[in-house]
C-alpha cells in the first residue's frame, strides 16, 4: 500500500515521495501537517514545503537524513 500525503496528494519530488512512503502513521501525519502549513499559511511552493517538512520530520523523530 502506498501512502499519499496532503489529503491524497503524492509529493512532487520522487525522493520525497519515496521517503514519505517509508514513514509510519505518526511520522506521516507530522509530515503532512508541516507541509500543509508551510505551503498554505507560509506561502512556500509545494515542492519546497514538502522538502522542508521532510527535513523537520526527520529531525523531530530522530530519523537519518537521506
Protein backbone atom coordinates (compact mmCIF):
# COMPACT_ATOMS: atom_id res chain seq x y z
CA UNK A 1 0.00 0.00 0.00
CA UNK A 2 1.37 3.41 -0.95
CA UNK A 3 0.84 6.32 1.38
CA UNK A 4 -0.06 9.64 -0.18
CA UNK A 5 0.30 12.91 1.62
CA UNK A 6 -1.68 16.14 1.71
CA UNK A 7 -5.11 14.58 1.64
CA UNK A 8 -4.21 12.19 -1.15
CA UNK A 9 -1.62 14.28 -2.99
CA UNK A 10 1.61 12.46 -3.66
CA UNK A 11 4.71 14.60 -3.02
CA UNK A 12 6.07 16.20 -6.18
CA UNK A 13 9.72 15.22 -5.69
CA UNK A 14 10.16 11.46 -6.22
CA UNK A 15 12.82 11.29 -3.49
CA UNK A 16 10.45 12.94 -1.00
CA UNK A 17 7.63 10.62 -2.10
CA UNK A 18 9.86 7.57 -1.52
CA UNK A 19 10.90 8.83 1.92
CA UNK A 20 7.31 9.60 2.94
CA UNK A 21 6.20 6.13 1.82
CA UNK A 22 8.56 4.70 4.45
CA UNK A 23 7.19 6.73 7.35
CA UNK A 24 4.91 5.27 9.98
CA UNK A 25 1.45 6.78 10.52
CA UNK A 26 2.54 9.28 13.20
CA UNK A 27 5.53 10.42 11.18
CA UNK A 28 3.44 10.76 8.01
CA UNK A 29 0.83 12.83 9.84
CA UNK A 30 3.57 15.10 11.20
CA UNK A 31 4.99 15.49 7.68
CA UNK A 32 1.60 16.22 6.14
CA UNK A 33 0.71 18.85 8.73
CA UNK A 34 4.07 20.61 8.42
CA UNK A 35 3.98 20.60 4.63
CA UNK A 36 0.42 21.94 4.52
CA UNK A 37 1.12 24.74 6.99
CA UNK A 38 4.27 25.81 5.18
CA UNK A 39 2.54 25.74 1.81
CA UNK A 40 -0.81 27.30 2.62
CA UNK A 41 -0.03 29.52 5.60
CA UNK A 42 3.65 30.15 4.94
CA UNK A 43 3.37 30.70 1.21
CA UNK A 44 6.11 28.26 0.20
CA UNK A 45 5.90 26.48 -3.11
CA UNK A 46 4.54 22.97 -2.59
CA UNK A 47 7.80 21.28 -3.53
CA UNK A 48 9.78 23.45 -1.11
CA UNK A 49 7.24 22.91 1.66
CA UNK A 50 7.43 19.14 1.21
CA UNK A 51 11.22 19.11 1.30
CA UNK A 52 11.35 21.24 4.43
CA UNK A 53 8.58 19.20 6.07
CA UNK A 54 10.56 16.02 5.43
CA UNK A 55 13.67 17.57 6.98
CA UNK A 56 11.66 18.66 10.03
CA UNK A 57 10.07 15.21 10.31
CA UNK A 58 13.46 13.53 10.25
CA UNK A 59 14.82 15.89 12.92
CA UNK A 60 11.73 15.60 15.13
CA UNK A 61 11.70 11.79 15.10
CA UNK A 62 15.48 11.34 15.06
CA UNK A 63 15.42 9.68 11.65
CA UNK A 64 18.52 9.53 9.49
CA UNK A 65 18.79 12.17 6.82
CA UNK A 66 18.70 10.66 3.39
